[in-house]
Amino acid sequence: MSKLVLPLVALAGFVGVATVEAQIATPSTPDVEFARKAASGGHAEVELGRMALGKSTNVEVRQFAQRMVKDHTRANLELSELAQSQHLLLPRVAEGEDAANIKRLGGLSGSAFDRAYMDLMVEDHQHDVADFGKEADQGQNAQIKTLARTLLPTLQEHLQLAQQVQRGPGEEKAQLPSER
């Protein structure tokens, strides 16, 4: 009898662990995948913006970076609150390609950093506008769809700003108003 009890206890423990893990795991749907990608990207925007504030000598790039930190910090908080209300597990840091971009830009400085940062911001926001637009139109999860619709105009504005800065960042150091 004791030989049978030990395997049953072990099996019960395994089933119990599997049940807990299943309750914690977030189901994969297009809406959840969108939210995961948005979370990673939002964390990257904040981290890259902070990096730009420390590395850039161009006033326009620095102003853009400050806006990214402010707006994406707010958006990250909104997404985090939504995820918590729906029991979704989302990344708390930039992952995958977002993390690779942070690492790549971390190795640059001066005008090379400014160009690479602004090129990435244009490309990234083009993708964001497309992804958030698709979610706003086709999303099945009402809360995620509403958040995408709410954030889309801000992302469209970011894209326009990024394109403007990309066309005109100067190579020489500009003084910020607080440095004058």
C-alpha atoms as a PDB file:
ATOM      1  CA  MET A   1       0.000   0.000   0.000  1.00  0.00           C
ATOM      2  CA  SER A   2       2.790   2.446   0.820  1.00  0.00           C
ATOM      3  CA  LYS A   3       4.288   1.910  -2.625  1.00  0.00           C
ATOM      4  CA  LEU A   4       1.038   3.085  -4.179  1.00  0.00           C
ATOM      5  CA  VAL A   5       0.573   6.136  -1.923  1.00  0.00           C
ATOM      6  CA  LEU A   6       3.870   7.795  -2.880  1.00  0.00           C
ATOM      7  CA  PRO A   7       3.193   7.782  -6.650  1.00  0.00           C
ATOM      8  CA  LEU A   8      -0.343   9.037  -6.054  1.00  0.00           C
ATOM      9  CA  VAL A   9       0.936  11.882  -3.851  1.00  0.00           C
ATOM     10  CA  ALA A  10       3.535  12.743  -6.485  1.00  0.00           C
ATOM     11  CA  LEU A  11       0.891  12.617  -9.203  1.00  0.00           C
ATOM     12  CA  ALA A  12      -1.464  14.784  -7.133  1.00  0.00           C
ATOM     13  CA  GLY A  13       1.322  17.300  -6.618  1.00  0.00           C
ATOM     14  CA  PHE A  14       2.078  17.350 -10.349  1.00  0.00           C
ATOM     15  CA  VAL A  15      -1.594  17.798 -11.259  1.00  0.00           C
ATOM     16  CA  GLY A  16      -1.869  20.567  -8.664  1.00  0.00           C
ATOM     17  CA  VAL A  17       1.103  22.408 -10.146  1.00  0.00           C
ATOM     18  CA  ALA A  18      -0.232  21.981 -13.667  1.00  0.00           C
ATOM     19  CA  THR A  19      -3.595  23.383 -12.579  1.00  0.00           C
ATOM     20  CA  VAL A  20      -1.974  26.451 -10.976  1.00  0.00           C
ATOM     21  CA  GLU A  21       0.138  27.069 -14.072  1.00  0.00           C
ATOM     22  CA  ALA A  22      -2.898  26.750 -16.331  1.00  0.00           C
ATOM     23  CA  GLN A  23      -4.761  29.329 -14.247  1.00  0.00           C
ATOM     24  CA  ILE A  24      -1.846  31.772 -14.449  1.00  0.00           C
ATOM     25  CA  ALA A  25      -1.072  31.358 -18.151  1.00  0.00           C
ATOM     26  CA  THR A  26      -2.706  33.892 -20.455  1.00  0.00           C
ATOM     27  CA  PRO A  27      -4.543  32.374 -23.415  1.00  0.00           C
ATOM     28  CA  SER A  28      -3.127  33.363 -26.767  1.00  0.00           C
ATOM     29  CA  THR A  29      -5.585  35.232 -28.961  1.00  0.00           C
ATOM     30  CA  PRO A  30      -4.927  37.972 -31.531  1.00  0.00           C
ATOM     31  CA  ASP A  31      -6.069  40.558 -28.961  1.00  0.00           C
ATOM     32  CA  VAL A  32      -3.731  39.216 -26.275  1.00  0.00           C
ATOM     33  CA  GLU A  33      -0.835  39.004 -28.749  1.00  0.00           C
ATOM     34  CA  PHE A  34      -1.527  42.628 -29.677  1.00  0.00           C
ATOM     35  CA  ALA A  35      -1.459  43.590 -25.986  1.00  0.00           C
ATOM     36  CA  ARG A  36       1.810  41.698 -25.431  1.00  0.00           C
ATOM     37  CA  LYS A  37       3.442  43.392 -28.407  1.00  0.00           C
ATOM     38  CA  ALA A  38       2.099  46.783 -27.290  1.00  0.00           C
ATOM     39  CA  ALA A  39       3.469  46.257 -23.773  1.00  0.00           C
ATOM     40  CA  SER A  40       6.948  45.336 -25.003  1.00  0.00           C
ATOM     41  CA  GLY A  41       6.944  48.214 -27.473  1.00  0.00           C
ATOM     42  CA  GLY A  42       5.721  50.678 -24.870  1.00  0.00           C
ATOM     43  CA  HIS A  43       8.502  49.716 -22.476  1.00  0.00           C
ATOM     44  CA  ALA A  44      11.006  50.092 -25.323  1.00  0.00           C
ATOM     45  CA  GLU A  45       9.687  53.577 -26.169  1.00  0.00           C
ATOM     46  CA  VAL A  46      10.210  54.730 -22.596  1.00  0.00           C
ATOM     47  CA  GLU A  47      13.676  53.195 -22.307  1.00  0.00           C
ATOM     48  CA  LEU A  48      14.785  54.523 -25.695  1.00  0.00           C
ATOM     49  CA  GLY A  49      13.384  57.955 -24.865  1.00  0.00           C
ATOM     50  CA  ARG A  50      15.365  58.044 -21.632  1.00  0.00           C
ATOM     51  CA  MET A  51      18.437  56.910 -23.534  1.00  0.00           C
ATOM     52  CA  ALA A  52      17.934  59.706 -26.069  1.00  0.00           C
ATOM     53  CA  LEU A  53      17.623  62.255 -23.273  1.00  0.00           C
ATOM     54  CA  GLY A  54      21.018  61.133 -22.022  1.00  0.00           C
ATOM     55  CA  LYS A  55      22.784  60.734 -25.362  1.00  0.00           C
ATOM     56  CA  SER A  56      21.365  63.262 -27.808  1.00  0.00           C
ATOM     57  CA  THR A  57      22.756  66.746 -28.235  1.00  0.00           C
ATOM     58  CA  ASN A  58      19.979  67.776 -30.633  1.00  0.00           C
ATOM     59  CA  VAL A  59      17.215  69.842 -29.054  1.00  0.00           C
ATOM     60  CA  GLU A  60      14.494  68.482 -31.374  1.00  0.00           C
ATOM     61  CA  VAL A  61      15.478  64.885 -30.707  1.00  0.00           C
ATOM     62  CA  ARG A  62      15.542  65.553 -26.964  1.00  0.00           C
ATOM     63  CA  GLN A  63      12.116  67.224 -27.039  1.00  0.00           C
ATOM     64  CA  PHE A  64      10.719  64.298 -29.015  1.00  0.00           C
ATOM     65  CA  ALA A  65      12.303  61.828 -26.566  1.00  0.00           C
ATOM     66  CA  GLN A  66      10.760  63.654 -23.600  1.00  0.00           C
ATOM     67  CA  ARG A  67       7.355  63.388 -25.246  1.00  0.00           C
ATOM     68  CA  MET A  68       7.873  59.648 -25.830  1.00  0.00           C
ATOM     69  CA  VAL A  69       8.763  59.075 -22.185  1.00  0.00           C
ATOM     70  CA  LYS A  70       5.728  61.023 -20.972  1.00  0.00           C
ATOM     71  CA  ASP A  71       3.146  59.613 -23.390  1.00  0.00           C
ATOM     72  CA  HIS A  72       4.340  55.998 -23.357  1.00  0.00           C
ATOM     73  CA  THR A  73       4.674  55.931 -19.570  1.00  0.00           C
ATOM     74  CA  ARG A  74       1.011  56.943 -19.389  1.00  0.00           C
ATOM     75  CA  ALA A  75       0.004  54.413 -22.078  1.00  0.00           C
ATOM     76  CA  ASN A  76       1.988  51.662 -20.318  1.00  0.00           C
ATOM     77  CA  LEU A  77       0.083  52.387 -17.114  1.00  0.00           C
ATOM     78  CA  GLU A  78      -3.268  52.213 -18.929  1.00  0.00           C
ATOM     79  CA  LEU A  79      -2.304  48.919 -20.581  1.00  0.00           C
ATOM     80  CA  SER A  80      -1.064  47.527 -17.272  1.00  0.00           C
ATOM     81  CA  GLU A  81      -4.351  48.408 -15.550  1.00  0.00           C
ATOM     82  CA  LEU A  82      -6.321  46.783 -18.374  1.00  0.00           C
ATOM     83  CA  ALA A  83      -4.146  43.653 -18.204  1.00  0.00           C
ATOM     84  CA  GLN A  84      -4.616  43.424 -14.465  1.00  0.00           C
ATOM     85  CA  SER A  85      -8.393  43.746 -14.778  1.00  0.00           C
ATOM     86  CA  GLN A  86      -8.443  40.928 -17.340  1.00  0.00           C
ATOM     87  CA  HIS A  87      -5.837  38.766 -15.606  1.00  0.00           C
ATOM     88  CA  LEU A  88      -3.425  38.986 -18.548  1.00  0.00           C
ATOM     89  CA  LEU A  89       0.292  38.438 -18.149  1.00  0.00           C
ATOM     90  CA  LEU A  90       2.116  41.058 -20.194  1.00  0.00           C
ATOM     91  CA  PRO A  91       5.837  41.819 -20.473  1.00  0.00           C
ATOM     92  CA  ARG A  92       7.195  44.252 -17.902  1.00  0.00           C
ATOM     93  CA  VAL A  93      10.252  45.022 -20.019  1.00  0.00           C
ATOM     94  CA  ALA A  94      11.063  45.304 -23.709  1.00  0.00           C
ATOM     95  CA  GLU A  95      11.450  41.886 -25.308  1.00  0.00           C
ATOM     96  CA  GLY A  96      12.710  40.391 -28.567  1.00  0.00           C
ATOM     97  CA  GLU A  97      13.275  42.914 -31.331  1.00  0.00           C
ATOM     98  CA  ASP A  98      12.465  45.788 -28.973  1.00  0.00           C
ATOM     99  CA  ALA A  99      15.241  44.715 -26.595  1.00  0.00           C
ATOM    100  CA  ALA A 100      17.634  44.240 -29.529  1.00  0.00           C
ATOM    101  CA  ASN A 101      16.942  47.799 -30.718  1.00  0.00           C
ATOM    102  CA  ILE A 102      17.688  49.156 -27.249  1.00  0.00           C
ATOM    103  CA  LYS A 103      20.983  47.292 -27.198  1.00  0.00           C
ATOM    104  CA  ARG A 104      21.879  48.438 -30.720  1.00  0.00           C
ATOM    105  CA  LEU A 105      21.165  52.105 -30.022  1.00  0.00           C
ATOM    106  CA  GLY A 106      22.988  51.881 -26.705  1.00  0.00           C
ATOM    107  CA  GLY A 107      26.221  51.432 -28.632  1.00  0.00           C
ATOM    108  CA  LEU A 108      25.791  54.633 -30.648  1.00  0.00           C
ATOM    109  CA  SER A 109      26.459  58.261 -29.799  1.00  0.00           C
ATOM    110  CA  GLY A 110      26.263  61.752 -31.271  1.00  0.00           C
ATOM    111  CA  SER A 111      24.615  62.305 -34.622  1.00  0.00           C
ATOM    112  CA  ALA A 112      24.772  58.557 -35.408  1.00  0.00           C
ATOM    113  CA  PHE A 113      22.583  57.936 -32.358  1.00  0.00           C
ATOM    114  CA  ASP A 114      20.199  60.754 -33.315  1.00  0.00           C
ATOM    115  CA  ARG A 115      19.753  59.413 -36.859  1.00  0.00           C
ATOM    116  CA  ALA A 116      19.309  55.799 -35.738  1.00  0.00           C
ATOM    117  CA  TYR A 117      16.879  56.796 -32.968  1.00  0.00           C
ATOM    118  CA  MET A 118      14.719  58.923 -35.245  1.00  0.00           C
ATOM    119  CA  ASP A 119      14.795  56.327 -38.045  1.00  0.00           C
ATOM    120  CA  LEU A 120      13.636  53.718 -35.523  1.00  0.00           C
ATOM    121  CA  MET A 121      10.941  56.028 -34.152  1.00  0.00           C
ATOM    122  CA  VAL A 122       9.506  56.603 -37.631  1.00  0.00           C
ATOM    123  CA  GLU A 123       9.587  52.905 -38.498  1.00  0.00           C
ATOM    124  CA  ASP A 124       8.260  51.833 -35.105  1.00  0.00           C
ATOM    125  CA  HIS A 125       5.399  54.320 -35.107  1.00  0.00           C
ATOM    126  CA  GLN A 126       4.429  53.330 -38.660  1.00  0.00           C
ATOM    127  CA  HIS A 127       4.028  49.770 -37.374  1.00  0.00           C
ATOM    128  CA  ASP A 128       2.275  50.970 -34.214  1.00  0.00           C
ATOM    129  CA  VAL A 129      -0.266  53.027 -36.159  1.00  0.00           C
ATOM    130  CA  ALA A 130      -1.011  50.040 -38.403  1.00  0.00           C
ATOM    131  CA  ASP A 131      -1.241  47.584 -35.480  1.00  0.00           C
ATOM    132  CA  PHE A 132      -3.348  49.847 -33.267  1.00  0.00           C
ATOM    133  CA  GLY A 133      -5.594  50.729 -36.232  1.00  0.00           C
ATOM    134  CA  LYS A 134      -6.146  47.045 -36.989  1.00  0.00           C
ATOM    135  CA  GLU A 135      -6.921  46.283 -33.339  1.00  0.00           C
ATOM    136  CA  ALA A 136      -9.268  49.283 -33.109  1.00  0.00           C
ATOM    137  CA  ASP A 137     -11.169  48.031 -36.199  1.00  0.00           C
ATOM    138  CA  GLN A 138     -11.004  44.257 -35.824  1.00  0.00           C
ATOM    139  CA  GLY A 139     -10.336  43.501 -32.159  1.00  0.00           C
ATOM    140  CA  GLN A 140     -12.644  41.028 -30.404  1.00  0.00           C
ATOM    141  CA  ASN A 141     -11.818  42.007 -26.818  1.00  0.00           C
ATOM    142  CA  ALA A 142     -13.851  45.158 -26.163  1.00  0.00           C
ATOM    143  CA  GLN A 143     -11.471  46.626 -23.576  1.00  0.00           C
ATOM    144  CA  ILE A 144      -8.313  46.061 -25.624  1.00  0.00           C
ATOM    145  CA  LYS A 145     -10.081  47.370 -28.731  1.00  0.00           C
ATOM    146  CA  THR A 146     -11.186  50.506 -26.870  1.00  0.00           C
ATOM    147  CA  LEU A 147      -7.679  51.128 -25.548  1.00  0.00           C
ATOM    148  CA  ALA A 148      -6.247  50.764 -29.068  1.00  0.00           C
ATOM    149  CA  ARG A 149      -8.827  53.222 -30.386  1.00  0.00           C
ATOM    150  CA  THR A 150      -8.046  55.657 -27.562  1.00  0.00           C
ATOM    151  CA  LEU A 151      -4.262  55.540 -28.050  1.00  0.00           C
ATOM    152  CA  LEU A 152      -4.266  55.574 -31.870  1.00  0.00           C
ATOM    153  CA  PRO A 153      -4.507  59.386 -32.308  1.00  0.00           C
ATOM    154  CA  THR A 154      -1.506  59.882 -30.003  1.00  0.00           C
ATOM    155  CA  LEU A 155       0.520  57.338 -31.977  1.00  0.00           C
ATOM    156  CA  GLN A 156      -0.453  59.052 -35.240  1.00  0.00           C
ATOM    157  CA  GLU A 157       0.771  62.326 -33.778  1.00  0.00           C
ATOM    158  CA  HIS A 158       4.013  60.644 -32.665  1.00  0.00           C
ATOM    159  CA  LEU A 159       4.544  59.402 -36.225  1.00  0.00           C
ATOM    160  CA  GLN A 160       4.079  62.902 -37.644  1.00  0.00           C
ATOM    161  CA  LEU A 161       6.432  64.391 -35.054  1.00  0.00           C
ATOM    162  CA  ALA A 162       9.036  61.679 -35.667  1.00  0.00           C
ATOM    163  CA  GLN A 163       8.914  62.302 -39.406  1.00  0.00           C
ATOM    164  CA  GLN A 164       9.353  66.048 -38.860  1.00  0.00           C
ATOM    165  CA  VAL A 165      12.331  65.569 -36.547  1.00  0.00           C
ATOM    166  CA  GLN A 166      13.820  62.919 -38.846  1.00  0.00           C
ATOM    167  CA  ARG A 167      13.776  65.372 -41.746  1.00  0.00           C
ATOM    168  CA  GLY A 168      15.456  68.124 -39.795  1.00  0.00           C
ATOM    169  CA  PRO A 169      17.765  67.086 -36.948  1.00  0.00           C
ATOM    170  CA  GLY A 170      20.890  69.204 -37.008  1.00  0.00           C
ATOM    171  CA  GLU A 171      24.365  67.829 -36.551  1.00  0.00           C
ATOM    172  CA  GLU A 172      25.582  70.447 -34.110  1.00  0.00           C
ATOM    173  CA  LYS A 173      24.739  70.804 -30.468  1.00  0.00           C
ATOM    174  CA  ALA A 174      21.716  72.953 -29.771  1.00  0.00           C
ATOM    175  CA  GLN A 175      21.030  74.429 -26.379  1.00  0.00           C
ATOM    176  CA  LEU A 176      17.862  73.502 -24.592  1.00  0.00           C
ATOM    177  CA  PRO A 177      15.880  76.403 -23.114  1.00  0.00           C
ATOM    178  CA  SER A 178      16.899  75.267 -19.634  1.00  0.00           C
ATOM    179  CA  GLU A 179      20.591  75.484 -20.630  1.00  0.00           C
ATOM    180  CA  ARG A 180      20.450  79.116 -21.744  1.00  0.00           C
END
